[in-house]
Amino acid sequence: MKSIKRPLLIVLGILTIVFTGIVTYAATPLSSCRFSDNVVSDVSSEGVGPPDAGTGSRLATDHVQYVESNDHIRLAYRSYVPANPKAVVIFYHGSGANSGAGYQPIGEQLSQNYGIATYLPDIRGHGLSDGDRGDAPSVKQVYDDITSMISAAHRQFPSVPVFLGGHSAGAGLVVNYINSPYHEFVNGYLFVAPDFGPKSYTMNEGNGNFATVCVKAFVAHELTGGLLKGHAAGVRYNYSEEQMKSGIGLVQYNSVNMALALNPTRPSQEVAGIDRPFGLWVGAEDEIMNPQKVVAFANLATQVSHESFTEIVPGEKHLTILNNAAKLIGPWILQAASRQ
């Protein structure tokens, strides 16, 4: 009996030490993960979106409507709806941004020039949407919010094709949503300067100094099965002081929960899981993404590659492409909608 107890006690002792180490590591205050205020992104926002017009704030409320999430918070979106729309686009902004930070031309031009109704949502915790800034109760809740937006589009236009898209990490969010268990049906997808996640290896070296990641917070979250660090700051977006004070409502930090919702963690499998045709556009001069690698990675979506379209757009950067995005995606949407 003693010969059995001794090895058992040794095993239990080792397990206790390992478990204590994991909990101690995971529970260490996030202050030990210091973000430098001196790192500034190389990504230019000059000439993107509408001018300030002397108001001191560009986060205007024009075209803004709200839909209620399933956990009863208000989700803001900018709505651009022509008479008798030919299609509906729901298009998500990138990391730390919001629908009023340079995305308005997409809605205005798709509506006016192509007869396409456009919803530009603010992800919860961003822009005019409710919720703690840059945070979410869970990853699943961010996906549920997308379903709320799609359901609103189907209610308003029950017989009109709906397309779901995003820019940068907004495109990453869409890829994650496609692979979530309960995603709502749409007719196609739109990816503009898409961020398929760090493990896709589609970024330029240094990624334009756009973001700094607290790796420790993500490791602690993973080690504890998501019990700890979900609401801790996981990513700092290196916007300049001038950009943060510009009045467009940028968010400088995303929590671990929010960052996981926006960034595919198994990008090869997730891109391969894209189930509807898509259009993809990335600027030839993108400071963050490597355009050739982005297009090559998108070819993993073999289920729909024969119906999809990719283009490297000459002269465009990561943000400047937003100004002309409607001219790029509008014709593709109309063609795709005609095939439905």
C-alpha atoms as a PDB file:
ATOM      1  CA  MET A   1       0.000   0.000   0.000  1.00  0.00           C
ATOM      2  CA  LYS A   2       2.820   2.348   0.931  1.00  0.00           C
ATOM      3  CA  SER A   3       4.501   1.638  -2.405  1.00  0.00           C
ATOM      4  CA  ILE A   4       1.340   2.898  -4.189  1.00  0.00           C
ATOM      5  CA  LYS A   5       0.834   5.955  -1.989  1.00  0.00           C
ATOM      6  CA  ARG A   6       4.344   7.322  -2.471  1.00  0.00           C
ATOM      7  CA  PRO A   7       4.219   7.631  -6.315  1.00  0.00           C
ATOM      8  CA  LEU A   8       0.676   8.964  -6.044  1.00  0.00           C
ATOM      9  CA  LEU A   9       1.784  11.679  -3.624  1.00  0.00           C
ATOM     10  CA  ILE A  10       4.670  12.583  -5.929  1.00  0.00           C
ATOM     11  CA  VAL A  11       2.320  12.913  -8.903  1.00  0.00           C
ATOM     12  CA  LEU A  12      -0.133  15.005  -6.868  1.00  0.00           C
ATOM     13  CA  GLY A  13       2.731  17.208  -5.686  1.00  0.00           C
ATOM     14  CA  ILE A  14       3.913  17.795  -9.248  1.00  0.00           C
ATOM     15  CA  LEU A  15       0.381  18.589 -10.425  1.00  0.00           C
ATOM     16  CA  THR A  16      -0.066  21.030  -7.537  1.00  0.00           C
ATOM     17  CA  ILE A  17       3.161  22.821  -8.409  1.00  0.00           C
ATOM     18  CA  VAL A  18       2.217  23.035 -12.102  1.00  0.00           C
ATOM     19  CA  PHE A  19      -1.307  24.246 -11.328  1.00  0.00           C
ATOM     20  CA  THR A  20      -0.027  26.817  -8.824  1.00  0.00           C
ATOM     21  CA  GLY A  21       2.470  28.061 -11.397  1.00  0.00           C
ATOM     22  CA  ILE A  22      -0.199  28.438 -14.064  1.00  0.00           C
ATOM     23  CA  VAL A  23      -2.589  30.292 -11.752  1.00  0.00           C
ATOM     24  CA  THR A  24       0.180  32.527 -10.411  1.00  0.00           C
ATOM     25  CA  TYR A  25       1.308  33.371 -13.940  1.00  0.00           C
ATOM     26  CA  ALA A  26      -2.216  34.004 -15.155  1.00  0.00           C
ATOM     27  CA  ALA A  27      -3.211  36.062 -12.139  1.00  0.00           C
ATOM     28  CA  THR A  28      -0.202  38.373 -12.249  1.00  0.00           C
ATOM     29  CA  PRO A  29      -1.484  41.963 -12.591  1.00  0.00           C
ATOM     30  CA  LEU A  30      -1.570  43.190 -16.195  1.00  0.00           C
ATOM     31  CA  SER A  31       0.483  46.223 -15.152  1.00  0.00           C
ATOM     32  CA  SER A  32       3.507  43.988 -15.661  1.00  0.00           C
ATOM     33  CA  CYS A  33       2.660  44.154 -19.373  1.00  0.00           C
ATOM     34  CA  ARG A  34       3.772  47.692 -20.149  1.00  0.00           C
ATOM     35  CA  PHE A  35       2.824  49.361 -23.411  1.00  0.00           C
ATOM     36  CA  SER A  36       5.136  52.074 -24.659  1.00  0.00           C
ATOM     37  CA  ASP A  37       3.561  55.450 -25.410  1.00  0.00           C
ATOM     38  CA  ASN A  38       6.490  56.267 -27.684  1.00  0.00           C
ATOM     39  CA  VAL A  39       5.610  53.819 -30.468  1.00  0.00           C
ATOM     40  CA  VAL A  40       3.628  55.536 -33.232  1.00  0.00           C
ATOM     41  CA  SER A  41       2.129  53.827 -36.266  1.00  0.00           C
ATOM     42  CA  ASP A  42       3.558  54.475 -39.730  1.00  0.00           C
ATOM     43  CA  VAL A  43       0.083  54.123 -41.259  1.00  0.00           C
ATOM     44  CA  SER A  44      -1.076  57.414 -42.719  1.00  0.00           C
ATOM     45  CA  SER A  45      -4.665  58.590 -42.265  1.00  0.00           C
ATOM     46  CA  GLU A  46      -4.145  61.798 -44.232  1.00  0.00           C
ATOM     47  CA  GLY A  47      -6.986  62.515 -46.625  1.00  0.00           C
ATOM     48  CA  VAL A  48      -9.161  59.677 -45.336  1.00  0.00           C
ATOM     49  CA  GLY A  49     -12.835  60.357 -44.664  1.00  0.00           C
ATOM     50  CA  PRO A  50     -14.718  63.640 -44.345  1.00  0.00           C
ATOM     51  CA  PRO A  51     -13.001  66.803 -43.088  1.00  0.00           C
ATOM     52  CA  ASP A  52     -13.455  68.194 -39.583  1.00  0.00           C
ATOM     53  CA  ALA A  53     -15.332  71.191 -40.977  1.00  0.00           C
ATOM     54  CA  GLY A  54     -14.268  73.205 -37.954  1.00  0.00           C
ATOM     55  CA  THR A  55     -16.577  71.411 -35.545  1.00  0.00           C
ATOM     56  CA  GLY A  56     -13.801  69.951 -33.394  1.00  0.00           C
ATOM     57  CA  SER A  57     -15.440  66.528 -33.659  1.00  0.00           C
ATOM     58  CA  ARG A  58     -15.823  64.297 -36.696  1.00  0.00           C
ATOM     59  CA  LEU A  59     -17.798  61.632 -34.795  1.00  0.00           C
ATOM     60  CA  ALA A  60     -21.077  63.057 -36.073  1.00  0.00           C
ATOM     61  CA  THR A  61     -24.442  61.391 -35.578  1.00  0.00           C
ATOM     62  CA  ASP A  62     -25.736  61.845 -39.125  1.00  0.00           C
ATOM     63  CA  HIS A  63     -27.272  58.674 -40.612  1.00  0.00           C
ATOM     64  CA  VAL A  64     -26.919  56.912 -37.233  1.00  0.00           C
ATOM     65  CA  GLN A  65     -29.504  54.346 -36.174  1.00  0.00           C
ATOM     66  CA  TYR A  66     -29.498  51.682 -33.468  1.00  0.00           C
ATOM     67  CA  VAL A  67     -30.332  48.002 -33.159  1.00  0.00           C
ATOM     68  CA  GLU A  68     -30.621  46.205 -29.816  1.00  0.00           C
ATOM     69  CA  SER A  69     -28.244  43.328 -29.138  1.00  0.00           C
ATOM     70  CA  ASN A  70     -29.402  40.096 -27.528  1.00  0.00           C
ATOM     71  CA  ASP A  71     -27.835  41.260 -24.253  1.00  0.00           C
ATOM     72  CA  HIS A  72     -29.822  44.497 -24.485  1.00  0.00           C
ATOM     73  CA  ILE A  73     -27.262  47.138 -25.367  1.00  0.00           C
ATOM     74  CA  ARG A  74     -27.562  49.628 -28.232  1.00  0.00           C
ATOM     75  CA  LEU A  75     -25.449  48.916 -31.292  1.00  0.00           C
ATOM     76  CA  ALA A  76     -24.977  51.953 -33.524  1.00  0.00           C
ATOM     77  CA  TYR A  77     -24.769  51.807 -37.287  1.00  0.00           C
ATOM     78  CA  ARG A  78     -24.768  54.361 -40.079  1.00  0.00           C
ATOM     79  CA  SER A  79     -27.517  53.671 -42.580  1.00  0.00           C
ATOM     80  CA  TYR A  80     -27.448  54.737 -46.235  1.00  0.00           C
ATOM     81  CA  VAL A  81     -30.575  53.468 -47.970  1.00  0.00           C
ATOM     82  CA  PRO A  82     -31.659  54.314 -51.540  1.00  0.00           C
ATOM     83  CA  ALA A  83     -35.143  53.735 -52.897  1.00  0.00           C
ATOM     84  CA  ASN A  84     -35.645  50.108 -53.982  1.00  0.00           C
ATOM     85  CA  PRO A  85     -32.147  48.830 -53.134  1.00  0.00           C
ATOM     86  CA  LYS A  86     -30.641  46.107 -55.312  1.00  0.00           C
ATOM     87  CA  ALA A  87     -28.565  44.684 -52.450  1.00  0.00           C
ATOM     88  CA  VAL A  88     -27.645  45.334 -48.817  1.00  0.00           C
ATOM     89  CA  VAL A  89     -24.073  45.627 -47.533  1.00  0.00           C
ATOM     90  CA  ILE A  90     -23.104  45.352 -43.860  1.00  0.00           C
ATOM     91  CA  PHE A  91     -19.521  46.577 -43.609  1.00  0.00           C
ATOM     92  CA  TYR A  92     -17.366  46.540 -40.441  1.00  0.00           C
ATOM     93  CA  HIS A  93     -14.573  48.951 -39.540  1.00  0.00           C
ATOM     94  CA  GLY A  94     -11.025  48.045 -38.548  1.00  0.00           C
ATOM     95  CA  SER A  95      -9.172  47.911 -35.231  1.00  0.00           C
ATOM     96  CA  GLY A  96      -9.838  50.751 -32.803  1.00  0.00           C
ATOM     97  CA  ALA A  97     -11.870  52.660 -35.392  1.00  0.00           C
ATOM     98  CA  ASN A  98     -15.602  53.174 -35.947  1.00  0.00           C
ATOM     99  CA  SER A  99     -17.985  53.807 -38.819  1.00  0.00           C
ATOM    100  CA  GLY A 100     -17.396  57.570 -38.584  1.00  0.00           C
ATOM    101  CA  ALA A 101     -13.620  57.287 -38.945  1.00  0.00           C
ATOM    102  CA  GLY A 102     -13.333  57.360 -42.726  1.00  0.00           C
ATOM    103  CA  TYR A 103     -15.933  54.751 -43.707  1.00  0.00           C
ATOM    104  CA  GLN A 104     -18.798  57.110 -44.591  1.00  0.00           C
ATOM    105  CA  PRO A 105     -17.812  57.426 -48.295  1.00  0.00           C
ATOM    106  CA  ILE A 106     -18.462  53.697 -48.708  1.00  0.00           C
ATOM    107  CA  GLY A 107     -22.060  54.081 -47.571  1.00  0.00           C
ATOM    108  CA  GLU A 108     -22.674  57.323 -49.410  1.00  0.00           C
ATOM    109  CA  GLN A 109     -21.278  56.132 -52.734  1.00  0.00           C
ATOM    110  CA  LEU A 110     -22.763  52.623 -52.684  1.00  0.00           C
ATOM    111  CA  SER A 111     -26.186  54.103 -51.990  1.00  0.00           C
ATOM    112  CA  GLN A 112     -26.050  57.027 -54.407  1.00  0.00           C
ATOM    113  CA  ASN A 113     -24.108  55.492 -57.290  1.00  0.00           C
ATOM    114  CA  TYR A 114     -25.053  51.813 -57.194  1.00  0.00           C
ATOM    115  CA  GLY A 115     -28.442  51.625 -55.481  1.00  0.00           C
ATOM    116  CA  ILE A 116     -27.004  49.482 -52.680  1.00  0.00           C
ATOM    117  CA  ALA A 117     -28.294  49.936 -49.108  1.00  0.00           C
ATOM    118  CA  THR A 118     -25.346  50.091 -46.732  1.00  0.00           C
ATOM    119  CA  TYR A 119     -25.107  49.570 -42.975  1.00  0.00           C
ATOM    120  CA  LEU A 120     -21.832  50.642 -41.343  1.00  0.00           C
ATOM    121  CA  PRO A 121     -21.917  49.248 -37.781  1.00  0.00           C
ATOM    122  CA  ASP A 122     -19.869  50.365 -34.807  1.00  0.00           C
ATOM    123  CA  ILE A 123     -18.591  47.239 -33.067  1.00  0.00           C
ATOM    124  CA  ARG A 124     -19.706  47.264 -29.427  1.00  0.00           C
ATOM    125  CA  GLY A 125     -17.360  49.342 -27.280  1.00  0.00           C
ATOM    126  CA  HIS A 126     -16.469  51.480 -30.311  1.00  0.00           C
ATOM    127  CA  GLY A 127     -17.821  54.689 -31.784  1.00  0.00           C
ATOM    128  CA  LEU A 128     -21.427  55.364 -30.804  1.00  0.00           C
ATOM    129  CA  SER A 129     -22.240  51.795 -29.756  1.00  0.00           C
ATOM    130  CA  ASP A 130     -22.710  51.072 -26.074  1.00  0.00           C
ATOM    131  CA  GLY A 131     -20.367  48.839 -24.107  1.00  0.00           C
ATOM    132  CA  ASP A 132     -17.052  49.220 -22.321  1.00  0.00           C
ATOM    133  CA  ARG A 133     -14.521  50.814 -24.663  1.00  0.00           C
ATOM    134  CA  GLY A 134     -12.639  48.199 -26.662  1.00  0.00           C
ATOM    135  CA  ASP A 135     -14.084  45.308 -24.659  1.00  0.00           C
ATOM    136  CA  ALA A 136     -16.767  42.626 -24.967  1.00  0.00           C
ATOM    137  CA  PRO A 137     -18.380  40.205 -22.493  1.00  0.00           C
ATOM    138  CA  SER A 138     -17.144  37.323 -24.644  1.00  0.00           C
ATOM    139  CA  VAL A 139     -15.974  36.515 -28.154  1.00  0.00           C
ATOM    140  CA  LYS A 140     -19.326  34.889 -28.899  1.00  0.00           C
ATOM    141  CA  GLN A 141     -21.163  38.093 -28.002  1.00  0.00           C
ATOM    142  CA  VAL A 142     -19.352  39.985 -30.764  1.00  0.00           C
ATOM    143  CA  TYR A 143     -20.530  37.323 -33.225  1.00  0.00           C
ATOM    144  CA  ASP A 144     -24.075  37.538 -31.850  1.00  0.00           C
ATOM    145  CA  ASP A 145     -23.974  41.276 -32.563  1.00  0.00           C
ATOM    146  CA  ILE A 146     -23.266  40.552 -36.236  1.00  0.00           C
ATOM    147  CA  THR A 147     -26.265  38.243 -36.317  1.00  0.00           C
ATOM    148  CA  SER A 148     -28.364  41.076 -34.873  1.00  0.00           C
ATOM    149  CA  MET A 149     -27.263  43.336 -37.738  1.00  0.00           C
ATOM    150  CA  ILE A 150     -27.942  40.703 -40.413  1.00  0.00           C
ATOM    151  CA  SER A 151     -31.361  40.004 -38.919  1.00  0.00           C
ATOM    152  CA  ALA A 152     -32.155  43.728 -39.015  1.00  0.00           C
ATOM    153  CA  ALA A 153     -31.216  43.843 -42.706  1.00  0.00           C
ATOM    154  CA  HIS A 154     -33.375  40.816 -43.504  1.00  0.00           C
ATOM    155  CA  ARG A 155     -36.308  42.368 -41.644  1.00  0.00           C
ATOM    156  CA  GLN A 156     -36.028  45.660 -43.494  1.00  0.00           C
ATOM    157  CA  PHE A 157     -35.366  44.097 -46.911  1.00  0.00           C
ATOM    158  CA  PRO A 158     -36.637  40.496 -46.784  1.00  0.00           C
ATOM    159  CA  SER A 159     -36.139  39.702 -50.476  1.00  0.00           C
ATOM    160  CA  VAL A 160     -32.892  41.606 -51.113  1.00  0.00           C
ATOM    161  CA  PRO A 161     -29.446  39.884 -51.194  1.00  0.00           C
ATOM    162  CA  VAL A 162     -27.253  40.715 -48.176  1.00  0.00           C
ATOM    163  CA  PHE A 163     -23.458  40.944 -48.315  1.00  0.00           C
ATOM    164  CA  LEU A 164     -21.218  41.010 -45.230  1.00  0.00           C
ATOM    165  CA  GLY A 165     -17.810  42.648 -45.289  1.00  0.00           C
ATOM    166  CA  GLY A 166     -15.112  44.508 -43.463  1.00  0.00           C
ATOM    167  CA  HIS A 167     -11.865  46.421 -43.672  1.00  0.00           C
ATOM    168  CA  SER A 168      -8.629  45.245 -42.026  1.00  0.00           C
ATOM    169  CA  ALA A 169      -9.535  43.535 -38.720  1.00  0.00           C
ATOM    170  CA  GLY A 170     -13.194  44.051 -39.643  1.00  0.00           C
ATOM    171  CA  ALA A 171     -12.548  41.512 -42.408  1.00  0.00           C
ATOM    172  CA  GLY A 172     -10.891  39.236 -39.847  1.00  0.00           C
ATOM    173  CA  LEU A 173     -14.035  39.525 -37.729  1.00  0.00           C
ATOM    174  CA  VAL A 174     -16.139  38.439 -40.706  1.00  0.00           C
ATOM    175  CA  VAL A 175     -13.888  35.398 -41.318  1.00  0.00           C
ATOM    176  CA  ASN A 176     -14.262  34.417 -37.659  1.00  0.00           C
ATOM    177  CA  TYR A 177     -18.014  34.883 -37.862  1.00  0.00           C
ATOM    178  CA  ILE A 178     -18.272  32.677 -40.951  1.00  0.00           C
ATOM    179  CA  ASN A 179     -16.671  29.875 -38.935  1.00  0.00           C
ATOM    180  CA  SER A 180     -18.799  30.361 -35.813  1.00  0.00           C
ATOM    181  CA  PRO A 181     -21.439  27.644 -35.216  1.00  0.00           C
ATOM    182  CA  TYR A 182     -24.534  29.807 -35.563  1.00  0.00           C
ATOM    183  CA  HIS A 183     -23.650  32.329 -38.266  1.00  0.00           C
ATOM    184  CA  GLU A 184     -26.526  33.770 -40.249  1.00  0.00           C
ATOM    185  CA  PHE A 185     -26.818  33.182 -43.995  1.00  0.00           C
ATOM    186  CA  VAL A 186     -25.656  35.952 -46.341  1.00  0.00           C
ATOM    187  CA  ASN A 187     -25.142  35.983 -50.104  1.00  0.00           C
ATOM    188  CA  GLY A 188     -21.470  36.893 -50.199  1.00  0.00           C
ATOM    189  CA  TYR A 189     -18.521  38.574 -48.499  1.00  0.00           C
ATOM    190  CA  LEU A 190     -16.376  41.679 -49.010  1.00  0.00           C
ATOM    191  CA  PHE A 191     -12.781  41.919 -47.798  1.00  0.00           C
ATOM    192  CA  VAL A 192     -10.939  45.243 -48.108  1.00  0.00           C
ATOM    193  CA  ALA A 193      -7.269  45.240 -47.008  1.00  0.00           C
ATOM    194  CA  PRO A 194      -8.117  42.142 -44.946  1.00  0.00           C
ATOM    195  CA  ASP A 195      -6.221  41.163 -41.826  1.00  0.00           C
ATOM    196  CA  PHE A 196      -6.398  37.364 -41.724  1.00  0.00           C
ATOM    197  CA  GLY A 197      -4.544  37.263 -38.382  1.00  0.00           C
ATOM    198  CA  PRO A 198      -0.882  37.011 -37.330  1.00  0.00           C
ATOM    199  CA  LYS A 199      -0.686  33.292 -38.098  1.00  0.00           C
ATOM    200  CA  SER A 200      -1.571  33.917 -41.744  1.00  0.00           C
ATOM    201  CA  TYR A 201       1.845  35.566 -42.174  1.00  0.00           C
ATOM    202  CA  THR A 202       0.372  38.040 -44.640  1.00  0.00           C
ATOM    203  CA  MET A 203       1.669  41.184 -42.930  1.00  0.00           C
ATOM    204  CA  ASN A 204       4.639  43.265 -43.935  1.00  0.00           C
ATOM    205  CA  GLU A 205       7.601  43.024 -41.604  1.00  0.00           C
ATOM    206  CA  GLY A 206       6.927  45.317 -38.649  1.00  0.00           C
ATOM    207  CA  ASN A 207       3.257  45.744 -39.768  1.00  0.00           C
ATOM    208  CA  GLY A 208       3.742  49.492 -39.974  1.00  0.00           C
ATOM    209  CA  ASN A 209       4.123  49.643 -36.166  1.00  0.00           C
ATOM    210  CA  PHE A 210       0.336  49.630 -36.108  1.00  0.00           C
ATOM    211  CA  ALA A 211      -0.185  47.535 -32.985  1.00  0.00           C
ATOM    212  CA  THR A 212       1.623  46.248 -29.908  1.00  0.00           C
ATOM    213  CA  VAL A 213       0.450  42.933 -28.429  1.00  0.00           C
ATOM    214  CA  CYS A 214       0.607  41.846 -24.786  1.00  0.00           C
ATOM    215  CA  VAL A 215       1.393  38.181 -25.459  1.00  0.00           C
ATOM    216  CA  LYS A 216       1.275  37.328 -21.766  1.00  0.00           C
ATOM    217  CA  ALA A 217      -2.398  38.280 -21.481  1.00  0.00           C
ATOM    218  CA  PHE A 218      -3.356  35.934 -24.325  1.00  0.00           C
ATOM    219  CA  VAL A 219      -1.259  33.082 -22.909  1.00  0.00           C
ATOM    220  CA  ALA A 220      -2.871  33.494 -19.478  1.00  0.00           C
ATOM    221  CA  HIS A 221      -6.321  33.532 -21.071  1.00  0.00           C
ATOM    222  CA  GLU A 222      -5.533  30.332 -22.983  1.00  0.00           C
ATOM    223  CA  LEU A 223      -3.987  28.531 -20.008  1.00  0.00           C
ATOM    224  CA  THR A 224      -7.053  29.163 -17.868  1.00  0.00           C
ATOM    225  CA  GLY A 225      -9.549  28.175 -20.526  1.00  0.00           C
ATOM    226  CA  GLY A 226     -10.725  31.751 -20.866  1.00  0.00           C
ATOM    227  CA  LEU A 227     -11.415  32.226 -17.158  1.00  0.00           C
ATOM    228  CA  LEU A 228      -8.853  34.992 -16.697  1.00  0.00           C
ATOM    229  CA  LYS A 229      -7.650  38.026 -18.632  1.00  0.00           C
ATOM    230  CA  GLY A 230     -10.571  38.184 -21.080  1.00  0.00           C
ATOM    231  CA  HIS A 231     -11.188  41.822 -20.166  1.00  0.00           C
ATOM    232  CA  ALA A 232      -7.519  42.741 -19.806  1.00  0.00           C
ATOM    233  CA  ALA A 233      -5.849  45.002 -22.365  1.00  0.00           C
ATOM    234  CA  GLY A 234      -4.396  42.679 -24.973  1.00  0.00           C
ATOM    235  CA  VAL A 235      -3.549  45.033 -27.835  1.00  0.00           C
ATOM    236  CA  ARG A 236      -2.521  48.670 -28.033  1.00  0.00           C
ATOM    237  CA  TYR A 237      -3.104  50.433 -31.347  1.00  0.00           C
ATOM    238  CA  ASN A 238      -0.283  52.874 -31.862  1.00  0.00           C
ATOM    239  CA  TYR A 239      -2.325  55.836 -32.991  1.00  0.00           C
ATOM    240  CA  SER A 240      -0.538  59.152 -32.643  1.00  0.00           C
ATOM    241  CA  GLU A 241      -1.535  61.702 -30.023  1.00  0.00           C
ATOM    242  CA  GLU A 242      -2.895  63.860 -32.830  1.00  0.00           C
ATOM    243  CA  GLN A 243      -5.095  61.012 -34.107  1.00  0.00           C
ATOM    244  CA  MET A 244      -6.395  60.243 -30.615  1.00  0.00           C
ATOM    245  CA  LYS A 245      -7.359  63.911 -30.143  1.00  0.00           C
ATOM    246  CA  SER A 246      -8.859  64.276 -33.631  1.00  0.00           C
ATOM    247  CA  GLY A 247     -12.437  63.835 -32.446  1.00  0.00           C
ATOM    248  CA  ILE A 248     -13.171  60.708 -34.507  1.00  0.00           C
ATOM    249  CA  GLY A 249     -13.508  58.527 -31.408  1.00  0.00           C
ATOM    250  CA  LEU A 250     -10.616  56.116 -31.838  1.00  0.00           C
ATOM    251  CA  VAL A 251     -10.107  53.377 -29.246  1.00  0.00           C
ATOM    252  CA  GLN A 252      -6.471  52.822 -28.266  1.00  0.00           C
ATOM    253  CA  TYR A 253      -6.792  49.441 -26.511  1.00  0.00           C
ATOM    254  CA  ASN A 254      -8.694  46.238 -27.219  1.00  0.00           C
ATOM    255  CA  SER A 255      -9.267  43.602 -24.582  1.00  0.00           C
ATOM    256  CA  VAL A 256      -8.245  39.996 -25.108  1.00  0.00           C
ATOM    257  CA  ASN A 257     -11.881  39.070 -25.786  1.00  0.00           C
ATOM    258  CA  MET A 258     -12.262  41.748 -28.436  1.00  0.00           C
ATOM    259  CA  ALA A 259      -8.914  41.021 -30.080  1.00  0.00           C
ATOM    260  CA  LEU A 260      -9.745  37.313 -30.328  1.00  0.00           C
ATOM    261  CA  ALA A 261     -13.059  38.177 -31.989  1.00  0.00           C
ATOM    262  CA  LEU A 262     -11.280  40.332 -34.576  1.00  0.00           C
ATOM    263  CA  ASN A 263      -8.303  38.102 -35.363  1.00  0.00           C
ATOM    264  CA  PRO A 264      -8.537  34.582 -36.803  1.00  0.00           C
ATOM    265  CA  THR A 265      -6.446  32.217 -34.677  1.00  0.00           C
ATOM    266  CA  ARG A 266      -6.602  29.320 -37.187  1.00  0.00           C
ATOM    267  CA  PRO A 267      -6.561  31.364 -40.387  1.00  0.00           C
ATOM    268  CA  SER A 268      -5.732  28.579 -42.840  1.00  0.00           C
ATOM    269  CA  GLN A 269      -8.720  26.493 -41.734  1.00  0.00           C
ATOM    270  CA  GLU A 270     -10.981  29.517 -41.345  1.00  0.00           C
ATOM    271  CA  VAL A 271     -10.283  30.991 -44.778  1.00  0.00           C
ATOM    272  CA  ALA A 272     -10.734  27.510 -46.233  1.00  0.00           C
ATOM    273  CA  GLY A 273     -14.127  27.486 -44.508  1.00  0.00           C
ATOM    274  CA  ILE A 274     -15.467  30.537 -46.380  1.00  0.00           C
ATOM    275  CA  ASP A 275     -18.778  29.294 -47.729  1.00  0.00           C
ATOM    276  CA  ARG A 276     -19.989  32.022 -50.102  1.00  0.00           C
ATOM    277  CA  PRO A 277     -18.360  33.967 -52.971  1.00  0.00           C
ATOM    278  CA  PHE A 278     -16.247  36.952 -51.981  1.00  0.00           C
ATOM    279  CA  GLY A 279     -14.581  39.996 -53.445  1.00  0.00           C
ATOM    280  CA  LEU A 280     -11.180  41.040 -52.071  1.00  0.00           C
ATOM    281  CA  TRP A 281      -9.269  44.271 -52.663  1.00  0.00           C
ATOM    282  CA  VAL A 282      -5.935  45.318 -51.141  1.00  0.00           C
ATOM    283  CA  GLY A 283      -3.757  48.320 -51.929  1.00  0.00           C
ATOM    284  CA  ALA A 284      -0.461  47.786 -53.729  1.00  0.00           C
ATOM    285  CA  GLU A 285       1.145  50.233 -51.267  1.00  0.00           C
ATOM    286  CA  ASP A 286      -0.525  48.917 -48.097  1.00  0.00           C
ATOM    287  CA  GLU A 287       1.731  49.697 -45.132  1.00  0.00           C
ATOM    288  CA  ILE A 288       0.461  46.791 -42.979  1.00  0.00           C
ATOM    289  CA  MET A 289      -0.505  43.958 -45.309  1.00  0.00           C
ATOM    290  CA  ASN A 290       1.639  42.346 -47.998  1.00  0.00           C
ATOM    291  CA  PRO A 291      -0.769  42.426 -50.961  1.00  0.00           C
ATOM    292  CA  GLN A 292       0.714  39.460 -52.822  1.00  0.00           C
ATOM    293  CA  LYS A 293       0.616  37.300 -49.680  1.00  0.00           C
ATOM    294  CA  VAL A 294      -2.958  38.383 -48.911  1.00  0.00           C
ATOM    295  CA  VAL A 295      -4.190  37.369 -52.367  1.00  0.00           C
ATOM    296  CA  ALA A 296      -2.285  34.076 -52.246  1.00  0.00           C
ATOM    297  CA  PHE A 297      -3.721  33.286 -48.811  1.00  0.00           C
ATOM    298  CA  ALA A 298      -7.257  33.989 -50.009  1.00  0.00           C
ATOM    299  CA  ASN A 299      -6.793  31.202 -52.557  1.00  0.00           C
ATOM    300  CA  LEU A 300      -7.200  28.749 -49.659  1.00  0.00           C
ATOM    301  CA  ALA A 301     -10.951  29.373 -49.968  1.00  0.00           C
ATOM    302  CA  THR A 302     -11.210  26.617 -52.555  1.00  0.00           C
ATOM    303  CA  GLN A 303     -14.954  26.057 -52.005  1.00  0.00           C
ATOM    304  CA  VAL A 304     -15.756  29.380 -53.629  1.00  0.00           C
ATOM    305  CA  SER A 305     -12.580  30.430 -55.452  1.00  0.00           C
ATOM    306  CA  HIS A 306     -14.156  29.953 -58.908  1.00  0.00           C
ATOM    307  CA  GLU A 307     -16.902  32.475 -58.033  1.00  0.00           C
ATOM    308  CA  SER A 308     -14.698  34.941 -56.145  1.00  0.00           C
ATOM    309  CA  PHE A 309     -12.564  37.913 -57.163  1.00  0.00           C
ATOM    310  CA  THR A 310      -9.293  39.389 -55.887  1.00  0.00           C
ATOM    311  CA  GLU A 311      -7.469  42.554 -56.912  1.00  0.00           C
ATOM    312  CA  ILE A 312      -4.316  44.390 -55.894  1.00  0.00           C
ATOM    313  CA  VAL A 313      -5.240  48.038 -56.370  1.00  0.00           C
ATOM    314  CA  PRO A 314      -2.428  50.296 -57.676  1.00  0.00           C
ATOM    315  CA  GLY A 315      -1.538  53.374 -55.631  1.00  0.00           C
ATOM    316  CA  GLU A 316      -3.713  52.557 -52.606  1.00  0.00           C
ATOM    317  CA  LYS A 317      -2.591  52.252 -48.996  1.00  0.00           C
ATOM    318  CA  HIS A 318      -4.212  50.607 -45.985  1.00  0.00           C
ATOM    319  CA  LEU A 319      -6.554  53.513 -45.248  1.00  0.00           C
ATOM    320  CA  THR A 320      -6.662  55.487 -48.488  1.00  0.00           C
ATOM    321  CA  ILE A 321      -8.350  52.530 -50.180  1.00  0.00           C
ATOM    322  CA  LEU A 322     -11.473  53.418 -48.168  1.00  0.00           C
ATOM    323  CA  ASN A 323     -12.027  56.555 -50.250  1.00  0.00           C
ATOM    324  CA  ASN A 324     -12.424  54.504 -53.426  1.00  0.00           C
ATOM    325  CA  ALA A 325     -13.733  51.257 -51.967  1.00  0.00           C
ATOM    326  CA  ALA A 326     -17.287  51.800 -53.258  1.00  0.00           C
ATOM    327  CA  LYS A 327     -16.034  52.081 -56.852  1.00  0.00           C
ATOM    328  CA  LEU A 328     -14.246  48.775 -56.409  1.00  0.00           C
ATOM    329  CA  ILE A 329     -16.899  46.740 -54.618  1.00  0.00           C
ATOM    330  CA  GLY A 330     -20.094  48.247 -56.075  1.00  0.00           C
ATOM    331  CA  PRO A 331     -19.863  46.618 -59.539  1.00  0.00           C
ATOM    332  CA  TRP A 332     -18.875  43.267 -58.010  1.00  0.00           C
ATOM    333  CA  ILE A 333     -21.862  43.314 -55.638  1.00  0.00           C
ATOM    334  CA  LEU A 334     -24.308  44.069 -58.447  1.00  0.00           C
ATOM    335  CA  GLN A 335     -22.879  41.272 -60.561  1.00  0.00           C
ATOM    336  CA  ALA A 336     -22.956  38.819 -57.646  1.00  0.00           C
ATOM    337  CA  ALA A 337     -26.499  39.865 -56.697  1.00  0.00           C
ATOM    338  CA  SER A 338     -27.697  39.262 -60.263  1.00  0.00           C
ATOM    339  CA  ARG A 339     -26.583  35.640 -59.957  1.00  0.00           C
ATOM    340  CA  GLN A 340     -28.606  34.999 -56.777  1.00  0.00           C
END
